[in-house]
mmCIF file of all heavy atoms, coordinates in Angstrom:
data_MODEL
# 
_entry.id   MODEL 
# 
loop_
_atom_site.group_PDB 
_atom_site.id 
_atom_site.type_symbol 
_atom_site.label_atom_id 
_atom_site.label_alt_id 
_atom_site.label_comp_id 
_atom_site.label_asym_id 
_atom_site.label_entity_id 
_atom_site.label_seq_id 
_atom_site.pdbx_PDB_ins_code 
_atom_site.Cartn_x 
_atom_site.Cartn_y 
_atom_site.Cartn_z 
_atom_site.occupancy 
_atom_site.B_iso_or_equiv 
_atom_site.pdbx_formal_charge 
_atom_site.auth_seq_id 
_atom_site.auth_comp_id 
_atom_site.auth_asym_id 
_atom_site.auth_atom_id 
_atom_site.pdbx_PDB_model_num 
ATOM 1   N N   . PRO A 1 1  ? 2.177   8.702   -9.560  1.00 0.00 ? 1  PRO A N   1 
ATOM 2   C CA  . PRO A 1 1  ? 2.576   7.943   -10.805 1.00 0.00 ? 1  PRO A CA  1 
ATOM 3   C C   . PRO A 1 1  ? 3.260   6.637   -10.470 1.00 0.00 ? 1  PRO A C   1 
ATOM 4   O O   . PRO A 1 1  ? 4.231   6.624   -9.655  1.00 0.00 ? 1  PRO A O   1 
ATOM 5   C CB  . PRO A 1 1  ? 3.464   8.935   -11.510 1.00 0.00 ? 1  PRO A CB  1 
ATOM 6   C CG  . PRO A 1 1  ? 3.045   10.312  -11.001 1.00 0.00 ? 1  PRO A CG  1 
ATOM 7   C CD  . PRO A 1 1  ? 2.587   10.132  -9.685  1.00 0.00 ? 1  PRO A CD  1 
ATOM 8   N N   . GLY A 1 2  ? 2.740   5.556   -10.961 1.00 0.00 ? 2  GLY A N   1 
ATOM 9   C CA  . GLY A 1 2  ? 3.360   4.241   -10.816 1.00 0.00 ? 2  GLY A CA  1 
ATOM 10  C C   . GLY A 1 2  ? 3.061   3.587   -9.471  1.00 0.00 ? 2  GLY A C   1 
ATOM 11  O O   . GLY A 1 2  ? 3.385   2.412   -9.324  1.00 0.00 ? 2  GLY A O   1 
ATOM 12  N N   . ALA A 1 3  ? 2.393   4.222   -8.566  1.00 0.00 ? 3  ALA A N   1 
ATOM 13  C CA  . ALA A 1 3  ? 2.206   3.679   -7.220  1.00 0.00 ? 3  ALA A CA  1 
ATOM 14  C C   . ALA A 1 3  ? 1.290   2.552   -7.219  1.00 0.00 ? 3  ALA A C   1 
ATOM 15  O O   . ALA A 1 3  ? 1.551   1.449   -6.692  1.00 0.00 ? 3  ALA A O   1 
ATOM 16  C CB  . ALA A 1 3  ? 1.738   4.755   -6.223  1.00 0.00 ? 3  ALA A CB  1 
ATOM 17  N N   . ARG A 1 4  ? 0.081   2.667   -7.829  1.00 0.00 ? 4  ARG A N   1 
ATOM 18  C CA  . ARG A 1 4  ? -0.890  1.579   -7.827  1.00 0.00 ? 4  ARG A CA  1 
ATOM 19  C C   . ARG A 1 4  ? -0.311  0.376   -8.607  1.00 0.00 ? 4  ARG A C   1 
ATOM 20  O O   . ARG A 1 4  ? -0.477  -0.741  -8.148  1.00 0.00 ? 4  ARG A O   1 
ATOM 21  C CB  . ARG A 1 4  ? -2.184  2.075   -8.551  1.00 0.00 ? 4  ARG A CB  1 
ATOM 22  C CG  . ARG A 1 4  ? -3.215  0.933   -8.646  1.00 0.00 ? 4  ARG A CG  1 
ATOM 23  C CD  . ARG A 1 4  ? -4.522  1.486   -9.297  1.00 0.00 ? 4  ARG A CD  1 
ATOM 24  N NE  . ARG A 1 4  ? -5.447  0.425   -9.552  1.00 0.00 ? 4  ARG A NE  1 
ATOM 25  C CZ  . ARG A 1 4  ? -6.701  0.612   -9.995  1.00 0.00 ? 4  ARG A CZ  1 
ATOM 26  N NH1 . ARG A 1 4  ? -7.054  1.858   -10.266 1.00 0.00 ? 4  ARG A NH1 1 
ATOM 27  N NH2 . ARG A 1 4  ? -7.471  -0.403  -10.265 1.00 0.00 ? 4  ARG A NH2 1 
ATOM 28  N N   . GLU A 1 5  ? 0.385   0.585   -9.686  1.00 0.00 ? 5  GLU A N   1 
ATOM 29  C CA  . GLU A 1 5  ? 0.903   -0.469  -10.482 1.00 0.00 ? 5  GLU A CA  1 
ATOM 30  C C   . GLU A 1 5  ? 2.010   -1.255  -9.658  1.00 0.00 ? 5  GLU A C   1 
ATOM 31  O O   . GLU A 1 5  ? 2.073   -2.449  -9.723  1.00 0.00 ? 5  GLU A O   1 
ATOM 32  C CB  . GLU A 1 5  ? 1.619   0.035   -11.714 1.00 0.00 ? 5  GLU A CB  1 
ATOM 33  C CG  . GLU A 1 5  ? 0.588   0.659   -12.735 1.00 0.00 ? 5  GLU A CG  1 
ATOM 34  C CD  . GLU A 1 5  ? 0.109   2.000   -12.455 1.00 0.00 ? 5  GLU A CD  1 
ATOM 35  O OE1 . GLU A 1 5  ? 0.558   2.618   -11.432 1.00 0.00 ? 5  GLU A OE1 1 
ATOM 36  O OE2 . GLU A 1 5  ? -0.789  2.531   -13.159 1.00 0.00 ? 5  GLU A OE2 1 
ATOM 37  N N   . LEU A 1 6  ? 2.796   -0.492  -8.820  1.00 0.00 ? 6  LEU A N   1 
ATOM 38  C CA  . LEU A 1 6  ? 3.855   -1.116  -8.027  1.00 0.00 ? 6  LEU A CA  1 
ATOM 39  C C   . LEU A 1 6  ? 3.177   -2.032  -6.987  1.00 0.00 ? 6  LEU A C   1 
ATOM 40  O O   . LEU A 1 6  ? 3.569   -3.188  -6.737  1.00 0.00 ? 6  LEU A O   1 
ATOM 41  C CB  . LEU A 1 6  ? 4.764   -0.141  -7.365  1.00 0.00 ? 6  LEU A CB  1 
ATOM 42  C CG  . LEU A 1 6  ? 5.840   -0.721  -6.533  1.00 0.00 ? 6  LEU A CG  1 
ATOM 43  C CD1 . LEU A 1 6  ? 6.712   -1.766  -7.211  1.00 0.00 ? 6  LEU A CD1 1 
ATOM 44  C CD2 . LEU A 1 6  ? 6.663   0.347   -5.875  1.00 0.00 ? 6  LEU A CD2 1 
ATOM 45  N N   . VAL A 1 7  ? 2.181   -1.513  -6.307  1.00 0.00 ? 7  VAL A N   1 
ATOM 46  C CA  . VAL A 1 7  ? 1.439   -2.297  -5.265  1.00 0.00 ? 7  VAL A CA  1 
ATOM 47  C C   . VAL A 1 7  ? 0.890   -3.579  -5.888  1.00 0.00 ? 7  VAL A C   1 
ATOM 48  O O   . VAL A 1 7  ? 0.992   -4.685  -5.388  1.00 0.00 ? 7  VAL A O   1 
ATOM 49  C CB  . VAL A 1 7  ? 0.353   -1.551  -4.509  1.00 0.00 ? 7  VAL A CB  1 
ATOM 50  C CG1 . VAL A 1 7  ? -0.376  -2.398  -3.508  1.00 0.00 ? 7  VAL A CG1 1 
ATOM 51  C CG2 . VAL A 1 7  ? 0.994   -0.306  -3.841  1.00 0.00 ? 7  VAL A CG2 1 
ATOM 52  N N   . GLU A 1 8  ? 0.277   -3.417  -7.033  1.00 0.00 ? 8  GLU A N   1 
ATOM 53  C CA  . GLU A 1 8  ? -0.310  -4.574  -7.703  1.00 0.00 ? 8  GLU A CA  1 
ATOM 54  C C   . GLU A 1 8  ? 0.749   -5.607  -8.140  1.00 0.00 ? 8  GLU A C   1 
ATOM 55  O O   . GLU A 1 8  ? 0.537   -6.848  -7.989  1.00 0.00 ? 8  GLU A O   1 
ATOM 56  C CB  . GLU A 1 8  ? -1.117  -4.097  -8.892  1.00 0.00 ? 8  GLU A CB  1 
ATOM 57  C CG  . GLU A 1 8  ? -2.414  -3.365  -8.518  1.00 0.00 ? 8  GLU A CG  1 
ATOM 58  C CD  . GLU A 1 8  ? -3.128  -2.739  -9.725  1.00 0.00 ? 8  GLU A CD  1 
ATOM 59  O OE1 . GLU A 1 8  ? -2.389  -2.617  -10.735 1.00 0.00 ? 8  GLU A OE1 1 
ATOM 60  O OE2 . GLU A 1 8  ? -4.300  -2.509  -9.621  1.00 0.00 ? 8  GLU A OE2 1 
ATOM 61  N N   . ASP A 1 9  ? 1.953   -5.139  -8.605  1.00 0.00 ? 9  ASP A N   1 
ATOM 62  C CA  . ASP A 1 9  ? 2.998   -6.004  -8.993  1.00 0.00 ? 9  ASP A CA  1 
ATOM 63  C C   . ASP A 1 9  ? 3.571   -6.753  -7.773  1.00 0.00 ? 9  ASP A C   1 
ATOM 64  O O   . ASP A 1 9  ? 3.813   -7.967  -7.896  1.00 0.00 ? 9  ASP A O   1 
ATOM 65  C CB  . ASP A 1 9  ? 4.060   -5.195  -9.602  1.00 0.00 ? 9  ASP A CB  1 
ATOM 66  C CG  . ASP A 1 9  ? 5.140   -6.025  -10.419 1.00 0.00 ? 9  ASP A CG  1 
ATOM 67  O OD1 . ASP A 1 9  ? 4.648   -6.992  -11.082 1.00 0.00 ? 9  ASP A OD1 1 
ATOM 68  O OD2 . ASP A 1 9  ? 6.272   -5.755  -10.404 1.00 0.00 ? 9  ASP A OD2 1 
ATOM 69  N N   . VAL A 1 10 ? 3.674   -6.132  -6.675  1.00 0.00 ? 10 VAL A N   1 
ATOM 70  C CA  . VAL A 1 10 ? 4.220   -6.785  -5.449  1.00 0.00 ? 10 VAL A CA  1 
ATOM 71  C C   . VAL A 1 10 ? 3.191   -7.840  -4.988  1.00 0.00 ? 10 VAL A C   1 
ATOM 72  O O   . VAL A 1 10 ? 3.634   -8.875  -4.733  1.00 0.00 ? 10 VAL A O   1 
ATOM 73  C CB  . VAL A 1 10 ? 4.409   -5.672  -4.370  1.00 0.00 ? 10 VAL A CB  1 
ATOM 74  C CG1 . VAL A 1 10 ? 4.709   -6.437  -3.000  1.00 0.00 ? 10 VAL A CG1 1 
ATOM 75  C CG2 . VAL A 1 10 ? 5.537   -4.737  -4.662  1.00 0.00 ? 10 VAL A CG2 1 
ATOM 76  N N   . ARG A 1 11 ? 1.982   -7.518  -5.035  1.00 0.00 ? 11 ARG A N   1 
ATOM 77  C CA  . ARG A 1 11 ? 1.024   -8.545  -4.580  1.00 0.00 ? 11 ARG A CA  1 
ATOM 78  C C   . ARG A 1 11 ? 0.913   -9.697  -5.575  1.00 0.00 ? 11 ARG A C   1 
ATOM 79  O O   . ARG A 1 11 ? 0.715   -10.830 -5.114  1.00 0.00 ? 11 ARG A O   1 
ATOM 80  C CB  . ARG A 1 11 ? -0.369  -7.816  -4.574  1.00 0.00 ? 11 ARG A CB  1 
ATOM 81  C CG  . ARG A 1 11 ? -0.485  -6.888  -3.292  1.00 0.00 ? 11 ARG A CG  1 
ATOM 82  C CD  . ARG A 1 11 ? -1.858  -6.217  -3.305  1.00 0.00 ? 11 ARG A CD  1 
ATOM 83  N NE  . ARG A 1 11 ? -2.090  -5.500  -2.004  1.00 0.00 ? 11 ARG A NE  1 
ATOM 84  C CZ  . ARG A 1 11 ? -3.216  -4.858  -1.707  1.00 0.00 ? 11 ARG A CZ  1 
ATOM 85  N NH1 . ARG A 1 11 ? -4.263  -4.982  -2.570  1.00 0.00 ? 11 ARG A NH1 1 
ATOM 86  N NH2 . ARG A 1 11 ? -3.282  -4.258  -0.521  1.00 0.00 ? 11 ARG A NH2 1 
ATOM 87  N N   . ALA A 1 12 ? 1.024   -9.414  -6.911  1.00 0.00 ? 12 ALA A N   1 
ATOM 88  C CA  . ALA A 1 12 ? 1.003   -10.501 -7.855  1.00 0.00 ? 12 ALA A CA  1 
ATOM 89  C C   . ALA A 1 12 ? 2.145   -11.459 -7.672  1.00 0.00 ? 12 ALA A C   1 
ATOM 90  O O   . ALA A 1 12 ? 2.049   -12.659 -7.948  1.00 0.00 ? 12 ALA A O   1 
ATOM 91  C CB  . ALA A 1 12 ? 1.026   -9.926  -9.285  1.00 0.00 ? 12 ALA A CB  1 
ATOM 92  N N   . ALA A 1 13 ? 3.254   -10.941 -7.028  1.00 0.00 ? 13 ALA A N   1 
ATOM 93  C CA  . ALA A 1 13 ? 4.448   -11.838 -6.744  1.00 0.00 ? 13 ALA A CA  1 
ATOM 94  C C   . ALA A 1 13 ? 4.269   -12.503 -5.485  1.00 0.00 ? 13 ALA A C   1 
ATOM 95  O O   . ALA A 1 13 ? 5.156   -13.328 -5.095  1.00 0.00 ? 13 ALA A O   1 
ATOM 96  C CB  . ALA A 1 13 ? 5.670   -10.912 -6.730  1.00 0.00 ? 13 ALA A CB  1 
ATOM 97  N N   . GLY A 1 14 ? 3.140   -12.391 -4.808  1.00 0.00 ? 14 GLY A N   1 
ATOM 98  C CA  . GLY A 1 14 ? 2.881   -13.089 -3.556  1.00 0.00 ? 14 GLY A CA  1 
ATOM 99  C C   . GLY A 1 14 ? 3.575   -12.430 -2.336  1.00 0.00 ? 14 GLY A C   1 
ATOM 100 O O   . GLY A 1 14 ? 3.731   -13.187 -1.360  1.00 0.00 ? 14 GLY A O   1 
ATOM 101 N N   . VAL A 1 15 ? 4.072   -11.212 -2.465  1.00 0.00 ? 15 VAL A N   1 
ATOM 102 C CA  . VAL A 1 15 ? 4.711   -10.607 -1.348  1.00 0.00 ? 15 VAL A CA  1 
ATOM 103 C C   . VAL A 1 15 ? 3.750   -9.804  -0.479  1.00 0.00 ? 15 VAL A C   1 
ATOM 104 O O   . VAL A 1 15 ? 3.012   -8.897  -1.068  1.00 0.00 ? 15 VAL A O   1 
ATOM 105 C CB  . VAL A 1 15 ? 5.877   -9.641  -1.834  1.00 0.00 ? 15 VAL A CB  1 
ATOM 106 C CG1 . VAL A 1 15 ? 6.604   -9.038  -0.667  1.00 0.00 ? 15 VAL A CG1 1 
ATOM 107 C CG2 . VAL A 1 15 ? 6.895   -10.507 -2.711  1.00 0.00 ? 15 VAL A CG2 1 
ATOM 108 N N   . PRO A 1 16 ? 3.664   -9.910  0.738   1.00 0.00 ? 16 PRO A N   1 
ATOM 109 C CA  . PRO A 1 16 ? 2.768   -9.242  1.618   1.00 0.00 ? 16 PRO A CA  1 
ATOM 110 C C   . PRO A 1 16 ? 3.117   -7.761  1.575   1.00 0.00 ? 16 PRO A C   1 
ATOM 111 O O   . PRO A 1 16 ? 4.208   -7.238  1.424   1.00 0.00 ? 16 PRO A O   1 
ATOM 112 C CB  . PRO A 1 16 ? 2.961   -9.792  3.010   1.00 0.00 ? 16 PRO A CB  1 
ATOM 113 C CG  . PRO A 1 16 ? 3.538   -11.106 2.794   1.00 0.00 ? 16 PRO A CG  1 
ATOM 114 C CD  . PRO A 1 16 ? 4.401   -10.996 1.587   1.00 0.00 ? 16 PRO A CD  1 
ATOM 115 N N   . THR A 1 17 ? 1.965   -6.920  1.662   1.00 0.00 ? 17 THR A N   1 
ATOM 116 C CA  . THR A 1 17 ? 2.163   -5.477  1.703   1.00 0.00 ? 17 THR A CA  1 
ATOM 117 C C   . THR A 1 17 ? 1.598   -4.874  3.006   1.00 0.00 ? 17 THR A C   1 
ATOM 118 O O   . THR A 1 17 ? 0.626   -5.329  3.548   1.00 0.00 ? 17 THR A O   1 
ATOM 119 C CB  . THR A 1 17 ? 1.422   -4.746  0.520   1.00 0.00 ? 17 THR A CB  1 
ATOM 120 O OG1 . THR A 1 17 ? 0.097   -5.127  0.471   1.00 0.00 ? 17 THR A OG1 1 
ATOM 121 C CG2 . THR A 1 17 ? 2.100   -5.221  -0.806  1.00 0.00 ? 17 THR A CG2 1 
ATOM 122 N N   . ALA A 1 18 ? 2.225   -3.795  3.511   1.00 0.00 ? 18 ALA A N   1 
ATOM 123 C CA  . ALA A 1 18 ? 1.783   -3.124  4.681   1.00 0.00 ? 18 ALA A CA  1 
ATOM 124 C C   . ALA A 1 18 ? 1.733   -1.698  4.349   1.00 0.00 ? 18 ALA A C   1 
ATOM 125 O O   . ALA A 1 18 ? 2.458   -1.148  3.487   1.00 0.00 ? 18 ALA A O   1 
ATOM 126 C CB  . ALA A 1 18 ? 2.594   -3.331  5.916   1.00 0.00 ? 18 ALA A CB  1 
ATOM 127 N N   . LEU A 1 19 ? 0.801   -0.789  4.999   1.00 0.00 ? 19 LEU A N   1 
ATOM 128 C CA  . LEU A 1 19 ? 0.785   0.612   4.875   1.00 0.00 ? 19 LEU A CA  1 
ATOM 129 C C   . LEU A 1 19 ? 1.103   1.186   6.215   1.00 0.00 ? 19 LEU A C   1 
ATOM 130 O O   . LEU A 1 19 ? 0.496   0.795   7.190   1.00 0.00 ? 19 LEU A O   1 
ATOM 131 C CB  . LEU A 1 19 ? -0.536  0.997   4.265   1.00 0.00 ? 19 LEU A CB  1 
ATOM 132 C CG  . LEU A 1 19 ? -0.597  2.615   3.978   1.00 0.00 ? 19 LEU A CG  1 
ATOM 133 C CD1 . LEU A 1 19 ? -1.349  2.870   2.668   1.00 0.00 ? 19 LEU A CD1 1 
ATOM 134 C CD2 . LEU A 1 19 ? -1.195  3.286   5.160   1.00 0.00 ? 19 LEU A CD2 1 
ATOM 135 N N   . VAL A 1 20 ? 2.106   2.051   6.220   1.00 0.00 ? 20 VAL A N   1 
ATOM 136 C CA  . VAL A 1 20 ? 2.565   2.664   7.496   1.00 0.00 ? 20 VAL A CA  1 
ATOM 137 C C   . VAL A 1 20 ? 2.484   4.203   7.345   1.00 0.00 ? 20 VAL A C   1 
ATOM 138 O O   . VAL A 1 20 ? 3.247   4.716   6.627   1.00 0.00 ? 20 VAL A O   1 
ATOM 139 C CB  . VAL A 1 20 ? 3.964   2.116   7.900   1.00 0.00 ? 20 VAL A CB  1 
ATOM 140 C CG1 . VAL A 1 20 ? 4.313   2.808   9.227   1.00 0.00 ? 20 VAL A CG1 1 
ATOM 141 C CG2 . VAL A 1 20 ? 3.924   0.613   7.987   1.00 0.00 ? 20 VAL A CG2 1 
ATOM 142 N N   . THR A 1 21 ? 1.613   4.874   8.023   1.00 0.00 ? 21 THR A N   1 
ATOM 143 C CA  . THR A 1 21 ? 1.387   6.275   7.898   1.00 0.00 ? 21 THR A CA  1 
ATOM 144 C C   . THR A 1 21 ? 1.406   7.005   9.161   1.00 0.00 ? 21 THR A C   1 
ATOM 145 O O   . THR A 1 21 ? 0.996   6.458   10.174  1.00 0.00 ? 21 THR A O   1 
ATOM 146 C CB  . THR A 1 21 ? 0.060   6.552   7.097   1.00 0.00 ? 21 THR A CB  1 
ATOM 147 O OG1 . THR A 1 21 ? -0.128  8.002   7.033   1.00 0.00 ? 21 THR A OG1 1 
ATOM 148 C CG2 . THR A 1 21 ? -1.137  5.979   7.833   1.00 0.00 ? 21 THR A CG2 1 
ATOM 149 N N   . THR A 1 22 ? 1.785   8.306   9.185   1.00 0.00 ? 22 THR A N   1 
ATOM 150 C CA  . THR A 1 22 ? 1.780   9.199   10.291  1.00 0.00 ? 22 THR A CA  1 
ATOM 151 C C   . THR A 1 22 ? 0.352   9.686   10.553  1.00 0.00 ? 22 THR A C   1 
ATOM 152 O O   . THR A 1 22 ? -0.051  10.172  11.600  1.00 0.00 ? 22 THR A O   1 
ATOM 153 C CB  . THR A 1 22 ? 2.746   10.272  10.215  1.00 0.00 ? 22 THR A CB  1 
ATOM 154 O OG1 . THR A 1 22 ? 4.091   9.721   10.062  1.00 0.00 ? 22 THR A OG1 1 
ATOM 155 C CG2 . THR A 1 22 ? 2.810   11.178  11.429  1.00 0.00 ? 22 THR A CG2 1 
ATOM 156 N N   . THR A 1 23 ? -0.474  9.651   9.480   1.00 0.00 ? 23 THR A N   1 
ATOM 157 C CA  . THR A 1 23 ? -1.832  10.088  9.521   1.00 0.00 ? 23 THR A CA  1 
ATOM 158 C C   . THR A 1 23 ? -2.671  9.347   10.510  1.00 0.00 ? 23 THR A C   1 
ATOM 159 O O   . THR A 1 23 ? -2.565  8.092   10.549  1.00 0.00 ? 23 THR A O   1 
ATOM 160 C CB  . THR A 1 23 ? -2.483  9.985   8.130   1.00 0.00 ? 23 THR A CB  1 
ATOM 161 O OG1 . THR A 1 23 ? -1.734  10.753  7.243   1.00 0.00 ? 23 THR A OG1 1 
ATOM 162 C CG2 . THR A 1 23 ? -3.969  10.470  8.218   1.00 0.00 ? 23 THR A CG2 1 
ATOM 163 N N   . PRO A 1 24 ? -3.460  9.987   11.394  1.00 0.00 ? 24 PRO A N   1 
ATOM 164 C CA  . PRO A 1 24 ? -4.303  9.263   12.384  1.00 0.00 ? 24 PRO A CA  1 
ATOM 165 C C   . PRO A 1 24 ? -5.268  8.404   11.708  1.00 0.00 ? 24 PRO A C   1 
ATOM 166 O O   . PRO A 1 24 ? -5.763  8.704   10.614  1.00 0.00 ? 24 PRO A O   1 
ATOM 167 C CB  . PRO A 1 24 ? -4.954  10.529  13.162  1.00 0.00 ? 24 PRO A CB  1 
ATOM 168 C CG  . PRO A 1 24 ? -4.174  11.681  12.983  1.00 0.00 ? 24 PRO A CG  1 
ATOM 169 C CD  . PRO A 1 24 ? -3.519  11.458  11.655  1.00 0.00 ? 24 PRO A CD  1 
ATOM 170 N N   . ARG A 1 25 ? -5.757  7.359   12.423  1.00 0.00 ? 25 ARG A N   1 
ATOM 171 C CA  . ARG A 1 25 ? -6.703  6.339   11.870  1.00 0.00 ? 25 ARG A CA  1 
ATOM 172 C C   . ARG A 1 25 ? -7.998  7.025   11.329  1.00 0.00 ? 25 ARG A C   1 
ATOM 173 O O   . ARG A 1 25 ? -8.494  6.665   10.265  1.00 0.00 ? 25 ARG A O   1 
ATOM 174 C CB  . ARG A 1 25 ? -6.921  5.357   12.844  1.00 0.00 ? 25 ARG A CB  1 
ATOM 175 C CG  . ARG A 1 25 ? -8.038  4.244   12.426  1.00 0.00 ? 25 ARG A CG  1 
ATOM 176 C CD  . ARG A 1 25 ? -7.548  3.337   11.327  1.00 0.00 ? 25 ARG A CD  1 
ATOM 177 N NE  . ARG A 1 25 ? -6.408  2.509   11.752  1.00 0.00 ? 25 ARG A NE  1 
ATOM 178 C CZ  . ARG A 1 25 ? -5.889  1.614   10.916  1.00 0.00 ? 25 ARG A CZ  1 
ATOM 179 N NH1 . ARG A 1 25 ? -6.411  1.377   9.664   1.00 0.00 ? 25 ARG A NH1 1 
ATOM 180 N NH2 . ARG A 1 25 ? -4.823  0.902   11.303  1.00 0.00 ? 25 ARG A NH2 1 
ATOM 181 N N   . ARG A 1 26 ? -8.558  7.990   12.021  1.00 0.00 ? 26 ARG A N   1 
ATOM 182 C CA  . ARG A 1 26 ? -9.850  8.475   11.569  1.00 0.00 ? 26 ARG A CA  1 
ATOM 183 C C   . ARG A 1 26 ? -9.716  9.229   10.282  1.00 0.00 ? 26 ARG A C   1 
ATOM 184 O O   . ARG A 1 26 ? -10.686 9.365   9.484   1.00 0.00 ? 26 ARG A O   1 
ATOM 185 C CB  . ARG A 1 26 ? -10.479 9.362   12.765  1.00 0.00 ? 26 ARG A CB  1 
ATOM 186 C CG  . ARG A 1 26 ? -9.989  10.794  12.800  1.00 0.00 ? 26 ARG A CG  1 
ATOM 187 C CD  . ARG A 1 26 ? -10.727 11.539  13.859  1.00 0.00 ? 26 ARG A CD  1 
ATOM 188 N NE  . ARG A 1 26 ? -10.416 12.844  13.996  1.00 0.00 ? 26 ARG A NE  1 
ATOM 189 C CZ  . ARG A 1 26 ? -11.056 13.910  13.483  1.00 0.00 ? 26 ARG A CZ  1 
ATOM 190 N NH1 . ARG A 1 26 ? -12.172 13.635  12.756  1.00 0.00 ? 26 ARG A NH1 1 
ATOM 191 N NH2 . ARG A 1 26 ? -10.710 15.185  13.636  1.00 0.00 ? 26 ARG A NH2 1 
ATOM 192 N N   . LEU A 1 27 ? -8.573  9.864   9.942   1.00 0.00 ? 27 LEU A N   1 
ATOM 193 C CA  . LEU A 1 27 ? -8.379  10.500  8.723   1.00 0.00 ? 27 LEU A CA  1 
ATOM 194 C C   . LEU A 1 27 ? -8.009  9.474   7.647   1.00 0.00 ? 27 LEU A C   1 
ATOM 195 O O   . LEU A 1 27 ? -8.364  9.626   6.484   1.00 0.00 ? 27 LEU A O   1 
ATOM 196 C CB  . LEU A 1 27 ? -7.301  11.579  8.777   1.00 0.00 ? 27 LEU A CB  1 
ATOM 197 C CG  . LEU A 1 27 ? -7.583  12.924  9.373   1.00 0.00 ? 27 LEU A CG  1 
ATOM 198 C CD1 . LEU A 1 27 ? -8.080  12.862  10.786  1.00 0.00 ? 27 LEU A CD1 1 
ATOM 199 C CD2 . LEU A 1 27 ? -6.406  13.847  9.229   1.00 0.00 ? 27 LEU A CD2 1 
ATOM 200 N N   . ALA A 1 28 ? -7.213  8.493   7.960   1.00 0.00 ? 28 ALA A N   1 
ATOM 201 C CA  . ALA A 1 28 ? -6.800  7.503   7.023   1.00 0.00 ? 28 ALA A CA  1 
ATOM 202 C C   . ALA A 1 28 ? -7.828  6.561   6.484   1.00 0.00 ? 28 ALA A C   1 
ATOM 203 O O   . ALA A 1 28 ? -7.737  6.005   5.434   1.00 0.00 ? 28 ALA A O   1 
ATOM 204 C CB  . ALA A 1 28 ? -5.588  6.793   7.518   1.00 0.00 ? 28 ALA A CB  1 
ATOM 205 N N   . THR A 1 29 ? -8.791  6.373   7.329   1.00 0.00 ? 29 THR A N   1 
ATOM 206 C CA  . THR A 1 29 ? -9.789  5.305   7.017   1.00 0.00 ? 29 THR A CA  1 
ATOM 207 C C   . THR A 1 29 ? -10.490 5.445   5.694   1.00 0.00 ? 29 THR A C   1 
ATOM 208 O O   . THR A 1 29 ? -10.579 4.402   4.922   1.00 0.00 ? 29 THR A O   1 
ATOM 209 C CB  . THR A 1 29 ? -10.885 5.196   8.191   1.00 0.00 ? 29 THR A CB  1 
ATOM 210 O OG1 . THR A 1 29 ? -10.299 4.901   9.406   1.00 0.00 ? 29 THR A OG1 1 
ATOM 211 C CG2 . THR A 1 29 ? -12.000 4.208   7.795   1.00 0.00 ? 29 THR A CG2 1 
# 
């Protein structure tokens, strides 16, 4: 809840976003 909207709001403000996960790349892709 609210996650997609927050990412979109951050991007609309021109702030770069990163995703940092413990999940291995082959699972996260």
